[in-house]
Amino acid sequence: MSPQHPLAAAVQPLVDAIGGQALAPERATGDDVVLSWEGRPVVAVRLPHLADSLDHLLADMERRHGPLADLGRKEKQNVVRVLEERGAFALRHGVETVASALGVSRFTVYNYLNRENAERDAT
């Protein structure tokens, strides 16, 4: 993969955001996504394992907001809302992992989720 290629440069922020890995197309395996430019393979994207996705989502939230445990209640509620939108709670142990990262109990995360769902249903 040529780092100077416009397609490789354009997709790199997306690859980073999802926790993937950009590879030379010839290194692609069956599950990698090969992107082409004008009919020529330019970059392959290796998607992250599902088990790593929640850790990556939490790291992204921490980059955006600072240490999650140090956030105020409103900010933590916002983080939970964003994580729910991204599917974090569909993963096994998602609530427990998020609660630990936020420095709150599982019960508190469930309260944040219930509050968010009640507000959504009211509108």
PDB file of N, CA and C in Angstrom:
ATOM      1  N   MET A   1       0.851  -1.177   0.000  1.00  0.00           N
ATOM      2  CA  MET A   1       0.000   0.000   0.000  1.00  0.00           C
ATOM      3  C   MET A   1       0.891   1.233   0.000  1.00  0.00           C
ATOM      4  N   SER A   2       0.615   2.106  -0.889  1.00  0.00           N
ATOM      5  CA  SER A   2       1.370   3.351  -0.955  1.00  0.00           C
ATOM      6  C   SER A   2       0.745   4.369  -0.009  1.00  0.00           C
ATOM      7  N   PRO A   3       1.490   4.854   0.989  1.00  0.00           N
ATOM      8  CA  PRO A   3       0.908   5.813   1.924  1.00  0.00           C
ATOM      9  C   PRO A   3       0.510   7.118   1.248  1.00  0.00           C
ATOM     10  N   GLN A   4       1.069   7.385   0.077  1.00  0.00           N
ATOM     11  CA  GLN A   4       0.744   8.620  -0.616  1.00  0.00           C
ATOM     12  C   GLN A   4      -0.543   8.519  -1.423  1.00  0.00           C
ATOM     13  N   HIS A   5      -1.068   7.331  -1.637  1.00  0.00           N
ATOM     14  CA  HIS A   5      -2.258   7.198  -2.470  1.00  0.00           C
ATOM     15  C   HIS A   5      -3.426   7.915  -1.808  1.00  0.00           C
ATOM     16  N   PRO A   6      -4.178   8.695  -2.571  1.00  0.00           N
ATOM     17  CA  PRO A   6      -5.272   9.478  -1.985  1.00  0.00           C
ATOM     18  C   PRO A   6      -6.345   8.624  -1.303  1.00  0.00           C
ATOM     19  N   LEU A   7      -6.635   7.456  -1.842  1.00  0.00           N
ATOM     20  CA  LEU A   7      -7.651   6.618  -1.220  1.00  0.00           C
ATOM     21  C   LEU A   7      -7.170   6.104   0.140  1.00  0.00           C
ATOM     22  N   ALA A   8      -5.931   5.651   0.203  1.00  0.00           N
ATOM     23  CA  ALA A   8      -5.381   5.173   1.470  1.00  0.00           C
ATOM     24  C   ALA A   8      -5.384   6.284   2.508  1.00  0.00           C
ATOM     25  N   ALA A   9      -4.990   7.471   2.096  1.00  0.00           N
ATOM     26  CA  ALA A   9      -4.983   8.612   3.023  1.00  0.00           C
ATOM     27  C   ALA A   9      -6.397   8.982   3.448  1.00  0.00           C
ATOM     28  N   ALA A  10      -7.342   8.902   2.515  1.00  0.00           N
ATOM     29  CA  ALA A  10      -8.722   9.293   2.816  1.00  0.00           C
ATOM     30  C   ALA A  10      -9.396   8.335   3.787  1.00  0.00           C
ATOM     31  N   VAL A  11      -9.119   7.043   3.680  1.00  0.00           N
ATOM     32  CA  VAL A  11      -9.806   6.080   4.539  1.00  0.00           C
ATOM     33  C   VAL A  11      -9.100   5.851   5.871  1.00  0.00           C
ATOM     34  N   GLN A  12      -7.869   6.314   6.018  1.00  0.00           N
ATOM     35  CA  GLN A  12      -7.119   6.047   7.254  1.00  0.00           C
ATOM     36  C   GLN A  12      -7.828   6.536   8.514  1.00  0.00           C
ATOM     37  N   PRO A  13      -8.425   7.744   8.531  1.00  0.00           N
ATOM     38  CA  PRO A  13      -9.141   8.146   9.750  1.00  0.00           C
ATOM     39  C   PRO A  13     -10.313   7.218  10.081  1.00  0.00           C
ATOM     40  N   LEU A  14     -10.991   6.711   9.064  1.00  0.00           N
ATOM     41  CA  LEU A  14     -12.076   5.769   9.298  1.00  0.00           C
ATOM     42  C   LEU A  14     -11.543   4.443   9.840  1.00  0.00           C
ATOM     43  N   VAL A  15     -10.459   3.963   9.249  1.00  0.00           N
ATOM     44  CA  VAL A  15      -9.837   2.722   9.714  1.00  0.00           C
ATOM     45  C   VAL A  15      -9.422   2.868  11.172  1.00  0.00           C
ATOM     46  N   ASP A  16      -8.835   3.997  11.522  1.00  0.00           N
ATOM     47  CA  ASP A  16      -8.436   4.245  12.909  1.00  0.00           C
ATOM     48  C   ASP A  16      -9.651   4.306  13.836  1.00  0.00           C
ATOM     49  N   ALA A  17     -10.714   4.964  13.375  1.00  0.00           N
ATOM     50  CA  ALA A  17     -11.899   5.131  14.212  1.00  0.00           C
ATOM     51  C   ALA A  17     -12.578   3.803  14.530  1.00  0.00           C
ATOM     52  N   ILE A  18     -12.528   2.857  13.623  1.00  0.00           N
ATOM     53  CA  ILE A  18     -13.173   1.575  13.875  1.00  0.00           C
ATOM     54  C   ILE A  18     -12.228   0.571  14.513  1.00  0.00           C
ATOM     55  N   GLY A  19     -10.978   0.953  14.672  1.00  0.00           N
ATOM     56  CA  GLY A  19     -10.005   0.047  15.268  1.00  0.00           C
ATOM     57  C   GLY A  19      -9.493  -0.992  14.288  1.00  0.00           C
ATOM     58  N   GLY A  20      -9.581  -0.672  13.006  1.00  0.00           N
ATOM     59  CA  GLY A  20      -9.105  -1.584  11.971  1.00  0.00           C
ATOM     60  C   GLY A  20      -7.633  -1.393  11.687  1.00  0.00           C
ATOM     61  N   GLN A  21      -7.186  -2.057  10.643  1.00  0.00           N
ATOM     62  CA  GLN A  21      -5.786  -1.975  10.240  1.00  0.00           C
ATOM     63  C   GLN A  21      -5.732  -1.876   8.724  1.00  0.00           C
ATOM     64  N   ALA A  22      -4.991  -0.897   8.212  1.00  0.00           N
ATOM     65  CA  ALA A  22      -4.782  -0.760   6.776  1.00  0.00           C
ATOM     66  C   ALA A  22      -3.574  -1.595   6.372  1.00  0.00           C
ATOM     67  N   LEU A  23      -3.737  -2.363   5.305  1.00  0.00           N
ATOM     68  CA  LEU A  23      -2.687  -3.258   4.829  1.00  0.00           C
ATOM     69  C   LEU A  23      -2.499  -3.088   3.329  1.00  0.00           C
ATOM     70  N   ALA A  24      -1.366  -3.538   2.852  1.00  0.00           N
ATOM     71  CA  ALA A  24      -1.165  -3.619   1.405  1.00  0.00           C
ATOM     72  C   ALA A  24      -2.157  -4.650   0.859  1.00  0.00           C
ATOM     73  N   PRO A  25      -2.733  -4.423  -0.307  1.00  0.00           N
ATOM     74  CA  PRO A  25      -3.744  -5.354  -0.834  1.00  0.00           C
ATOM     75  C   PRO A  25      -3.251  -6.788  -0.963  1.00  0.00           C
ATOM     76  N   GLU A  26      -1.976  -6.966  -1.252  1.00  0.00           N
ATOM     77  CA  GLU A  26      -1.458  -8.336  -1.404  1.00  0.00           C
ATOM     78  C   GLU A  26      -1.382  -9.089  -0.081  1.00  0.00           C
ATOM     79  N   ARG A  27      -1.518  -8.379   1.036  1.00  0.00           N
ATOM     80  CA  ARG A  27      -1.507  -9.029   2.354  1.00  0.00           C
ATOM     81  C   ARG A  27      -2.913  -9.372   2.844  1.00  0.00           C
ATOM     82  N   ALA A  28      -3.924  -9.039   2.038  1.00  0.00           N
ATOM     83  CA  ALA A  28      -5.313  -9.265   2.433  1.00  0.00           C
ATOM     84  C   ALA A  28      -5.614 -10.755   2.536  1.00  0.00           C
ATOM     85  N   THR A  29      -6.451 -11.068   3.509  1.00  0.00           N
ATOM     86  CA  THR A  29      -6.963 -12.433   3.649  1.00  0.00           C
ATOM     87  C   THR A  29      -8.454 -12.397   3.336  1.00  0.00           C
ATOM     88  N   GLY A  30      -9.102 -13.528   3.466  1.00  0.00           N
ATOM     89  CA  GLY A  30     -10.495 -13.659   3.052  1.00  0.00           C
ATOM     90  C   GLY A  30     -11.479 -12.704   3.694  1.00  0.00           C
ATOM     91  N   ASP A  31     -11.265 -12.310   4.939  1.00  0.00           N
ATOM     92  CA  ASP A  31     -12.215 -11.430   5.620  1.00  0.00           C
ATOM     93  C   ASP A  31     -11.875  -9.953   5.500  1.00  0.00           C
ATOM     94  N   ASP A  32     -10.754  -9.625   4.904  1.00  0.00           N
ATOM     95  CA  ASP A  32     -10.370  -8.220   4.741  1.00  0.00           C
ATOM     96  C   ASP A  32     -11.165  -7.584   3.605  1.00  0.00           C
ATOM     97  N   VAL A  33     -11.330  -6.272   3.694  1.00  0.00           N
ATOM     98  CA  VAL A  33     -12.028  -5.519   2.655  1.00  0.00           C
ATOM     99  C   VAL A  33     -10.976  -4.818   1.807  1.00  0.00           C
ATOM    100  N   VAL A  34     -10.925  -5.163   0.529  1.00  0.00           N
ATOM    101  CA  VAL A  34      -9.948  -4.558  -0.386  1.00  0.00           C
ATOM    102  C   VAL A  34     -10.634  -3.417  -1.122  1.00  0.00           C
ATOM    103  N   LEU A  35     -10.034  -2.239  -1.028  1.00  0.00           N
ATOM    104  CA  LEU A  35     -10.556  -1.052  -1.703  1.00  0.00           C
ATOM    105  C   LEU A  35      -9.730  -0.779  -2.949  1.00  0.00           C
ATOM    106  N   SER A  36     -10.435  -0.480  -4.036  1.00  0.00           N
ATOM    107  CA  SER A  36      -9.765  -0.233  -5.313  1.00  0.00           C
ATOM    108  C   SER A  36      -9.970   1.205  -5.747  1.00  0.00           C
ATOM    109  N   TRP A  37      -9.040   1.665  -6.564  1.00  0.00           N
ATOM    110  CA  TRP A  37      -9.089   3.012  -7.148  1.00  0.00           C
ATOM    111  C   TRP A  37      -8.864   2.827  -8.641  1.00  0.00           C
ATOM    112  N   GLU A  38      -9.841   3.230  -9.412  1.00  0.00           N
ATOM    113  CA  GLU A  38      -9.770   3.097 -10.862  1.00  0.00           C
ATOM    114  C   GLU A  38      -9.419   1.666 -11.280  1.00  0.00           C
ATOM    115  N   GLY A  39     -10.061   0.695 -10.624  1.00  0.00           N
ATOM    116  CA  GLY A  39      -9.899  -0.708 -10.978  1.00  0.00           C
ATOM    117  C   GLY A  39      -8.657  -1.386 -10.435  1.00  0.00           C
ATOM    118  N   ARG A  40      -7.854  -0.675  -9.657  1.00  0.00           N
ATOM    119  CA  ARG A  40      -6.620  -1.255  -9.124  1.00  0.00           C
ATOM    120  C   ARG A  40      -6.704  -1.302  -7.599  1.00  0.00           C
ATOM    121  N   PRO A  41      -6.446  -2.486  -7.002  1.00  0.00           N
ATOM    122  CA  PRO A  41      -6.464  -2.570  -5.526  1.00  0.00           C
ATOM    123  C   PRO A  41      -5.405  -1.644  -4.930  1.00  0.00           C
ATOM    124  N   VAL A  42      -5.832  -0.879  -3.931  1.00  0.00           N
ATOM    125  CA  VAL A  42      -4.932   0.111  -3.334  1.00  0.00           C
ATOM    126  C   VAL A  42      -4.650  -0.173  -1.864  1.00  0.00           C
ATOM    127  N   VAL A  43      -5.679  -0.541  -1.141  1.00  0.00           N
ATOM    128  CA  VAL A  43      -5.528  -0.745   0.300  1.00  0.00           C
ATOM    129  C   VAL A  43      -6.517  -1.818   0.749  1.00  0.00           C
ATOM    130  N   ALA A  44      -6.087  -2.638   1.679  1.00  0.00           N
ATOM    131  CA  ALA A  44      -6.971  -3.616   2.304  1.00  0.00           C
ATOM    132  C   ALA A  44      -7.220  -3.161   3.731  1.00  0.00           C
ATOM    133  N   VAL A  45      -8.424  -3.363   4.203  1.00  0.00           N
ATOM    134  CA  VAL A  45      -8.787  -2.990   5.566  1.00  0.00           C
ATOM    135  C   VAL A  45      -9.136  -4.254   6.330  1.00  0.00           C
ATOM    136  N   ARG A  46      -8.406  -4.465   7.411  1.00  0.00           N
ATOM    137  CA  ARG A  46      -8.688  -5.582   8.304  1.00  0.00           C
ATOM    138  C   ARG A  46      -9.557  -5.046   9.433  1.00  0.00           C
ATOM    139  N   LEU A  47     -10.762  -5.550   9.514  1.00  0.00           N
ATOM    140  CA  LEU A  47     -11.703  -5.100  10.534  1.00  0.00           C
ATOM    141  C   LEU A  47     -11.332  -5.679  11.891  1.00  0.00           C
ATOM    142  N   PRO A  48     -11.652  -4.979  12.970  1.00  0.00           N
ATOM    143  CA  PRO A  48     -11.303  -5.481  14.302  1.00  0.00           C
ATOM    144  C   PRO A  48     -12.189  -6.658  14.689  1.00  0.00           C
ATOM    145  N   HIS A  49     -11.697  -7.457  15.609  1.00  0.00           N
ATOM    146  CA  HIS A  49     -12.523  -8.522  16.174  1.00  0.00           C
ATOM    147  C   HIS A  49     -13.605  -7.885  17.024  1.00  0.00           C
ATOM    148  N   LEU A  50     -14.760  -8.478  17.024  1.00  0.00           N
ATOM    149  CA  LEU A  50     -15.875  -7.946  17.781  1.00  0.00           C
ATOM    150  C   LEU A  50     -15.534  -7.787  19.261  1.00  0.00           C
ATOM    151  N   ALA A  51     -14.774  -8.720  19.790  1.00  0.00           N
ATOM    152  CA  ALA A  51     -14.406  -8.657  21.204  1.00  0.00           C
ATOM    153  C   ALA A  51     -13.589  -7.410  21.530  1.00  0.00           C
ATOM    154  N   ASP A  52     -12.885  -6.857  20.562  1.00  0.00           N
ATOM    155  CA  ASP A  52     -12.071  -5.658  20.789  1.00  0.00           C
ATOM    156  C   ASP A  52     -12.847  -4.368  20.571  1.00  0.00           C
ATOM    157  N   SER A  53     -14.042  -4.476  20.018  1.00  0.00           N
ATOM    158  CA  SER A  53     -14.797  -3.285  19.632  1.00  0.00           C
ATOM    159  C   SER A  53     -15.157  -2.391  20.813  1.00  0.00           C
ATOM    160  N   LEU A  54     -15.614  -2.977  21.908  1.00  0.00           N
ATOM    161  CA  LEU A  54     -16.014  -2.156  23.050  1.00  0.00           C
ATOM    162  C   LEU A  54     -14.824  -1.422  23.644  1.00  0.00           C
ATOM    163  N   ASP A  55     -13.699  -2.095  23.760  1.00  0.00           N
ATOM    164  CA  ASP A  55     -12.495  -1.422  24.267  1.00  0.00           C
ATOM    165  C   ASP A  55     -12.119  -0.252  23.364  1.00  0.00           C
ATOM    166  N   HIS A  56     -12.269  -0.462  22.061  1.00  0.00           N
ATOM    167  CA  HIS A  56     -11.932   0.615  21.120  1.00  0.00           C
ATOM    168  C   HIS A  56     -12.923   1.774  21.247  1.00  0.00           C
ATOM    169  N   LEU A  57     -14.208   1.465  21.410  1.00  0.00           N
ATOM    170  CA  LEU A  57     -15.215   2.517  21.594  1.00  0.00           C
ATOM    171  C   LEU A  57     -14.935   3.331  22.857  1.00  0.00           C
ATOM    172  N   LEU A  58     -14.588   2.632  23.930  1.00  0.00           N
ATOM    173  CA  LEU A  58     -14.287   3.333  25.179  1.00  0.00           C
ATOM    174  C   LEU A  58     -13.033   4.194  25.047  1.00  0.00           C
ATOM    175  N   ALA A  59     -12.023   3.685  24.357  1.00  0.00           N
ATOM    176  CA  ALA A  59     -10.806   4.473  24.145  1.00  0.00           C
ATOM    177  C   ALA A  59     -11.118   5.715  23.324  1.00  0.00           C
ATOM    178  N   ASP A  60     -11.997   5.588  22.345  1.00  0.00           N
ATOM    179  CA  ASP A  60     -12.397   6.738  21.536  1.00  0.00           C
ATOM    180  C   ASP A  60     -13.135   7.765  22.392  1.00  0.00           C
ATOM    181  N   MET A  61     -14.022   7.301  23.255  1.00  0.00           N
ATOM    182  CA  MET A  61     -14.741   8.223  24.149  1.00  0.00           C
ATOM    183  C   MET A  61     -13.768   8.934  25.086  1.00  0.00           C
ATOM    184  N   GLU A  62     -12.770   8.209  25.553  1.00  0.00           N
ATOM    185  CA  GLU A  62     -11.784   8.808  26.448  1.00  0.00           C
ATOM    186  C   GLU A  62     -10.930   9.841  25.715  1.00  0.00           C
ATOM    187  N   ARG A  63     -10.586   9.570  24.468  1.00  0.00           N
ATOM    188  CA  ARG A  63      -9.838  10.562  23.680  1.00  0.00           C
ATOM    189  C   ARG A  63     -10.650  11.838  23.499  1.00  0.00           C
ATOM    190  N   ARG A  64     -11.938  11.680  23.335  1.00  0.00           N
ATOM    191  CA  ARG A  64     -12.809  12.840  23.098  1.00  0.00           C
ATOM    192  C   ARG A  64     -13.121  13.628  24.370  1.00  0.00           C
ATOM    193  N   HIS A  65     -13.277  12.906  25.490  1.00  0.00           N
ATOM    194  CA  HIS A  65     -13.796  13.536  26.708  1.00  0.00           C
ATOM    195  C   HIS A  65     -12.824  13.567  27.881  1.00  0.00           C
ATOM    196  N   GLY A  66     -11.700  12.885  27.772  1.00  0.00           N
ATOM    197  CA  GLY A  66     -10.797  12.765  28.908  1.00  0.00           C
ATOM    198  C   GLY A  66     -11.162  11.539  29.724  1.00  0.00           C
ATOM    199  N   PRO A  67     -10.529  11.366  30.888  1.00  0.00           N
ATOM    200  CA  PRO A  67     -10.811  10.181  31.714  1.00  0.00           C
ATOM    201  C   PRO A  67     -12.306  10.062  32.014  1.00  0.00           C
ATOM    202  N   LEU A  68     -12.896   8.956  31.631  1.00  0.00           N
ATOM    203  CA  LEU A  68     -14.345   8.792  31.735  1.00  0.00           C
ATOM    204  C   LEU A  68     -14.830   8.811  33.175  1.00  0.00           C
ATOM    205  N   ALA A  69     -14.056   8.246  34.076  1.00  0.00           N
ATOM    206  CA  ALA A  69     -14.467   8.213  35.482  1.00  0.00           C
ATOM    207  C   ALA A  69     -14.510   9.609  36.094  1.00  0.00           C
ATOM    208  N   ASP A  70     -13.796  10.567  35.482  1.00  0.00           N
ATOM    209  CA  ASP A  70     -13.752  11.932  36.010  1.00  0.00           C
ATOM    210  C   ASP A  70     -14.876  12.817  35.477  1.00  0.00           C
ATOM    211  N   LEU A  71     -15.669  12.318  34.547  1.00  0.00           N
ATOM    212  CA  LEU A  71     -16.741  13.122  33.958  1.00  0.00           C
ATOM    213  C   LEU A  71     -17.872  13.328  34.950  1.00  0.00           C
ATOM    214  N   GLY A  72     -18.621  14.394  34.743  1.00  0.00           N
ATOM    215  CA  GLY A  72     -19.816  14.639  35.536  1.00  0.00           C
ATOM    216  C   GLY A  72     -20.958  13.741  35.089  1.00  0.00           C
ATOM    217  N   ARG A  73     -22.035  13.786  35.833  1.00  0.00           N
ATOM    218  CA  ARG A  73     -23.174  12.908  35.548  1.00  0.00           C
ATOM    219  C   ARG A  73     -23.728  13.129  34.146  1.00  0.00           C
ATOM    220  N   LYS A  74     -23.931  14.356  33.749  1.00  0.00           N
ATOM    221  CA  LYS A  74     -24.487  14.652  32.419  1.00  0.00           C
ATOM    222  C   LYS A  74     -23.570  14.134  31.316  1.00  0.00           C
ATOM    223  N   GLU A  75     -22.268  14.333  31.484  1.00  0.00           N
ATOM    224  CA  GLU A  75     -21.321  13.855  30.481  1.00  0.00           C
ATOM    225  C   GLU A  75     -21.320  12.330  30.408  1.00  0.00           C
ATOM    226  N   LYS A  76     -21.412  11.679  31.562  1.00  0.00           N
ATOM    227  CA  LYS A  76     -21.475  10.218  31.578  1.00  0.00           C
ATOM    228  C   LYS A  76     -22.747   9.726  30.898  1.00  0.00           C
ATOM    229  N   GLN A  77     -23.857  10.420  31.135  1.00  0.00           N
ATOM    230  CA  GLN A  77     -25.103  10.054  30.462  1.00  0.00           C
ATOM    231  C   GLN A  77     -24.955  10.194  28.948  1.00  0.00           C
ATOM    232  N   ASN A  78     -24.284  11.235  28.510  1.00  0.00           N
ATOM    233  CA  ASN A  78     -24.053  11.434  27.088  1.00  0.00           C
ATOM    234  C   ASN A  78     -23.176  10.315  26.508  1.00  0.00           C
ATOM    235  N   VAL A  79     -22.135   9.933  27.242  1.00  0.00           N
ATOM    236  CA  VAL A  79     -21.265   8.839  26.796  1.00  0.00           C
ATOM    237  C   VAL A  79     -22.074   7.550  26.667  1.00  0.00           C
ATOM    238  N   VAL A  80     -22.920   7.265  27.635  1.00  0.00           N
ATOM    239  CA  VAL A  80     -23.757   6.064  27.575  1.00  0.00           C
ATOM    240  C   VAL A  80     -24.685   6.123  26.364  1.00  0.00           C
ATOM    241  N   ARG A  81     -25.250   7.293  26.086  1.00  0.00           N
ATOM    242  CA  ARG A  81     -26.128   7.445  24.925  1.00  0.00           C
ATOM    243  C   ARG A  81     -25.385   7.148  23.634  1.00  0.00           C
ATOM    244  N   VAL A  82     -24.193   7.712  23.485  1.00  0.00           N
ATOM    245  CA  VAL A  82     -23.392   7.486  22.282  1.00  0.00           C
ATOM    246  C   VAL A  82     -23.010   6.015  22.162  1.00  0.00           C
ATOM    247  N   LEU A  83     -22.597   5.415  23.269  1.00  0.00           N
ATOM    248  CA  LEU A  83     -22.230   4.000  23.246  1.00  0.00           C
ATOM    249  C   LEU A  83     -23.418   3.119  22.884  1.00  0.00           C
ATOM    250  N   GLU A  84     -24.592   3.495  23.368  1.00  0.00           N
ATOM    251  CA  GLU A  84     -25.783   2.719  23.000  1.00  0.00           C
ATOM    252  C   GLU A  84     -26.050   2.837  21.501  1.00  0.00           C
ATOM    253  N   GLU A  85     -25.932   4.046  20.967  1.00  0.00           N
ATOM    254  CA  GLU A  85     -26.136   4.247  19.527  1.00  0.00           C
ATOM    255  C   GLU A  85     -25.159   3.422  18.701  1.00  0.00           C
ATOM    256  N   ARG A  86     -23.953   3.224  19.231  1.00  0.00           N
ATOM    257  CA  ARG A  86     -22.924   2.464  18.520  1.00  0.00           C
ATOM    258  C   ARG A  86     -22.997   0.960  18.789  1.00  0.00           C
ATOM    259  N   GLY A  87     -23.969   0.524  19.599  1.00  0.00           N
ATOM    260  CA  GLY A  87     -24.177  -0.898  19.813  1.00  0.00           C
ATOM    261  C   GLY A  87     -23.355  -1.518  20.923  1.00  0.00           C
ATOM    262  N   ALA A  88     -22.787  -0.699  21.791  1.00  0.00           N
ATOM    263  CA  ALA A  88     -21.908  -1.216  22.842  1.00  0.00           C
ATOM    264  C   ALA A  88     -22.616  -2.178  23.786  1.00  0.00           C
ATOM    265  N   PHE A  89     -23.909  -1.985  23.979  1.00  0.00           N
ATOM    266  CA  PHE A  89     -24.605  -2.797  24.970  1.00  0.00           C
ATOM    267  C   PHE A  89     -25.179  -4.080  24.371  1.00  0.00           C
ATOM    268  N   ALA A  90     -24.949  -4.279  23.095  1.00  0.00           N
ATOM    269  CA  ALA A  90     -25.317  -5.549  22.460  1.00  0.00           C
ATOM    270  C   ALA A  90     -24.231  -6.597  22.699  1.00  0.00           C
ATOM    271  N   LEU A  91     -23.065  -6.135  23.124  1.00  0.00           N
ATOM    272  CA  LEU A  91     -21.951  -7.039  23.382  1.00  0.00           C
ATOM    273  C   LEU A  91     -22.063  -7.642  24.779  1.00  0.00           C
ATOM    274  N   ARG A  92     -21.629  -8.861  24.901  1.00  0.00           N
ATOM    275  CA  ARG A  92     -21.658  -9.531  26.198  1.00  0.00           C
ATOM    276  C   ARG A  92     -20.803  -8.752  27.198  1.00  0.00           C
ATOM    277  N   HIS A  93     -21.330  -8.548  28.366  1.00  0.00           N
ATOM    278  CA  HIS A  93     -20.671  -7.810  29.449  1.00  0.00           C
ATOM    279  C   HIS A  93     -20.492  -6.328  29.114  1.00  0.00           C
ATOM    280  N   GLY A  94     -21.256  -5.824  28.152  1.00  0.00           N
ATOM    281  CA  GLY A  94     -21.143  -4.423  27.767  1.00  0.00           C
ATOM    282  C   GLY A  94     -21.455  -3.467  28.894  1.00  0.00           C
ATOM    283  N   VAL A  95     -22.547  -3.727  29.602  1.00  0.00           N
ATOM    284  CA  VAL A  95     -22.936  -2.830  30.701  1.00  0.00           C
ATOM    285  C   VAL A  95     -21.862  -2.837  31.785  1.00  0.00           C
ATOM    286  N   GLU A  96     -21.379  -4.011  32.139  1.00  0.00           N
ATOM    287  CA  GLU A  96     -20.366  -4.108  33.191  1.00  0.00           C
ATOM    288  C   GLU A  96     -19.081  -3.391  32.786  1.00  0.00           C
ATOM    289  N   THR A  97     -18.670  -3.562  31.545  1.00  0.00           N
ATOM    290  CA  THR A  97     -17.435  -2.941  31.062  1.00  0.00           C
ATOM    291  C   THR A  97     -17.563  -1.422  31.047  1.00  0.00           C
ATOM    292  N   VAL A  98     -18.703  -0.936  30.573  1.00  0.00           N
ATOM    293  CA  VAL A  98     -18.923   0.513  30.528  1.00  0.00           C
ATOM    294  C   VAL A  98     -19.013   1.070  31.940  1.00  0.00           C
ATOM    295  N   ALA A  99     -19.720   0.380  32.817  1.00  0.00           N
ATOM    296  CA  ALA A  99     -19.839   0.849  34.202  1.00  0.00           C
ATOM    297  C   ALA A  99     -18.466   0.972  34.843  1.00  0.00           C
ATOM    298  N   SER A 100     -17.621   0.000  34.638  1.00  0.00           N
ATOM    299  CA  SER A 100     -16.268   0.041  35.190  1.00  0.00           C
ATOM    300  C   SER A 100     -15.479   1.224  34.634  1.00  0.00           C
ATOM    301  N   ALA A 101     -15.574   1.449  33.337  1.00  0.00           N
ATOM    302  CA  ALA A 101     -14.842   2.563  32.709  1.00  0.00           C
ATOM    303  C   ALA A 101     -15.333   3.915  33.213  1.00  0.00           C
ATOM    304  N   LEU A 102     -16.642   4.008  33.488  1.00  0.00           N
ATOM    305  CA  LEU A 102     -17.213   5.278  33.959  1.00  0.00           C
ATOM    306  C   LEU A 102     -17.078   5.453  35.471  1.00  0.00           C
ATOM    307  N   GLY A 103     -16.700   4.389  36.169  1.00  0.00           N
ATOM    308  CA  GLY A 103     -16.592   4.477  37.618  1.00  0.00           C
ATOM    309  C   GLY A 103     -17.943   4.539  38.302  1.00  0.00           C
ATOM    310  N   VAL A 104     -18.937   3.856  37.711  1.00  0.00           N
ATOM    311  CA  VAL A 104     -20.285   3.811  38.281  1.00  0.00           C
ATOM    312  C   VAL A 104     -20.716   2.348  38.370  1.00  0.00           C
ATOM    313  N   SER A 105     -21.875   2.126  38.953  1.00  0.00           N
ATOM    314  CA  SER A 105     -22.391   0.768  39.061  1.00  0.00           C
ATOM    315  C   SER A 105     -23.149   0.379  37.790  1.00  0.00           C
ATOM    316  N   ARG A 106     -23.362  -0.915  37.638  1.00  0.00           N
ATOM    317  CA  ARG A 106     -24.201  -1.391  36.526  1.00  0.00           C
ATOM    318  C   ARG A 106     -25.586  -0.779  36.632  1.00  0.00           C
ATOM    319  N   PHE A 107     -26.100  -0.702  37.850  1.00  0.00           N
ATOM    320  CA  PHE A 107     -27.417  -0.121  38.091  1.00  0.00           C
ATOM    321  C   PHE A 107     -27.494   1.301  37.537  1.00  0.00           C
ATOM    322  N   THR A 108     -26.435   2.084  37.742  1.00  0.00           N
ATOM    323  CA  THR A 108     -26.406   3.455  37.240  1.00  0.00           C
ATOM    324  C   THR A 108     -26.439   3.474  35.709  1.00  0.00           C
ATOM    325  N   VAL A 109     -25.679   2.599  35.064  1.00  0.00           N
ATOM    326  CA  VAL A 109     -25.706   2.541  33.597  1.00  0.00           C
ATOM    327  C   VAL A 109     -27.109   2.182  33.127  1.00  0.00           C
ATOM    328  N   TYR A 110     -27.743   1.191  33.763  1.00  0.00           N
ATOM    329  CA  TYR A 110     -29.112   0.839  33.388  1.00  0.00           C
ATOM    330  C   TYR A 110     -30.059   2.024  33.595  1.00  0.00           C
ATOM    331  N   ASN A 111     -29.866   2.798  34.657  1.00  0.00           N
ATOM    332  CA  ASN A 111     -30.682   3.995  34.872  1.00  0.00           C
ATOM    333  C   ASN A 111     -30.482   5.004  33.741  1.00  0.00           C
ATOM    334  N   TYR A 112     -29.231   5.217  33.343  1.00  0.00           N
ATOM    335  CA  TYR A 112     -28.957   6.132  32.231  1.00  0.00           C
ATOM    336  C   TYR A 112     -29.652   5.651  30.954  1.00  0.00           C
ATOM    337  N   LEU A 113     -29.571   4.338  30.699  1.00  0.00           N
ATOM    338  CA  LEU A 113     -30.206   3.779  29.502  1.00  0.00           C
ATOM    339  C   LEU A 113     -31.728   3.918  29.572  1.00  0.00           C
ATOM    340  N   ASN A 114     -32.298   3.619  30.720  1.00  0.00           N
ATOM    341  CA  ASN A 114     -33.751   3.736  30.877  1.00  0.00           C
ATOM    342  C   ASN A 114     -34.208   5.173  30.722  1.00  0.00           C
ATOM    343  N   ARG A 115     -33.430   6.095  31.270  1.00  0.00           N
ATOM    344  CA  ARG A 115     -33.760   7.515  31.174  1.00  0.00           C
ATOM    345  C   ARG A 115     -33.731   7.958  29.711  1.00  0.00           C
ATOM    346  N   GLU A 116     -32.704   7.548  28.999  1.00  0.00           N
ATOM    347  CA  GLU A 116     -32.557   7.901  27.588  1.00  0.00           C
ATOM    348  C   GLU A 116     -33.722   7.325  26.770  1.00  0.00           C
ATOM    349  N   ASN A 117     -34.063   6.067  27.028  1.00  0.00           N
ATOM    350  CA  ASN A 117     -35.162   5.440  26.291  1.00  0.00           C
ATOM    351  C   ASN A 117     -36.500   6.089  26.609  1.00  0.00           C
ATOM    352  N   ALA A 118     -36.719   6.489  27.862  1.00  0.00           N
ATOM    353  CA  ALA A 118     -37.959   7.163  28.243  1.00  0.00           C
ATOM    354  C   ALA A 118     -38.066   8.514  27.552  1.00  0.00           C
ATOM    355  N   GLU A 119     -36.965   9.252  27.493  1.00  0.00           N
ATOM    356  CA  GLU A 119     -36.986  10.559  26.799  1.00  0.00           C
ATOM    357  C   GLU A 119     -37.242  10.384  25.314  1.00  0.00           C
ATOM    358  N   ARG A 120     -36.655   9.346  24.724  1.00  0.00           N
ATOM    359  CA  ARG A 120     -36.844   9.090  23.291  1.00  0.00           C
ATOM    360  C   ARG A 120     -38.301   8.721  23.024  1.00  0.00           C
ATOM    361  N   ASP A 121     -38.890   7.902  23.898  1.00  0.00           N
ATOM    362  CA  ASP A 121     -40.284   7.487  23.718  1.00  0.00           C
ATOM    363  C   ASP A 121     -41.253   8.654  23.894  1.00  0.00           C
ATOM    364  N   ALA A 122     -40.880   9.622  24.726  1.00  0.00           N
ATOM    365  CA  ALA A 122     -41.757  10.773  24.987  1.00  0.00           C
ATOM    366  C   ALA A 122     -41.801  11.752  23.821  1.00  0.00           C
ATOM    367  N   THR A 123     -40.778  11.712  22.964  1.00  0.00           N
ATOM    368  CA  THR A 123     -40.747  12.672  21.838  1.00  0.00           C
ATOM    369  C   THR A 123     -41.309  12.093  20.570  1.00  0.00           C
TER     370      THR A 123
END
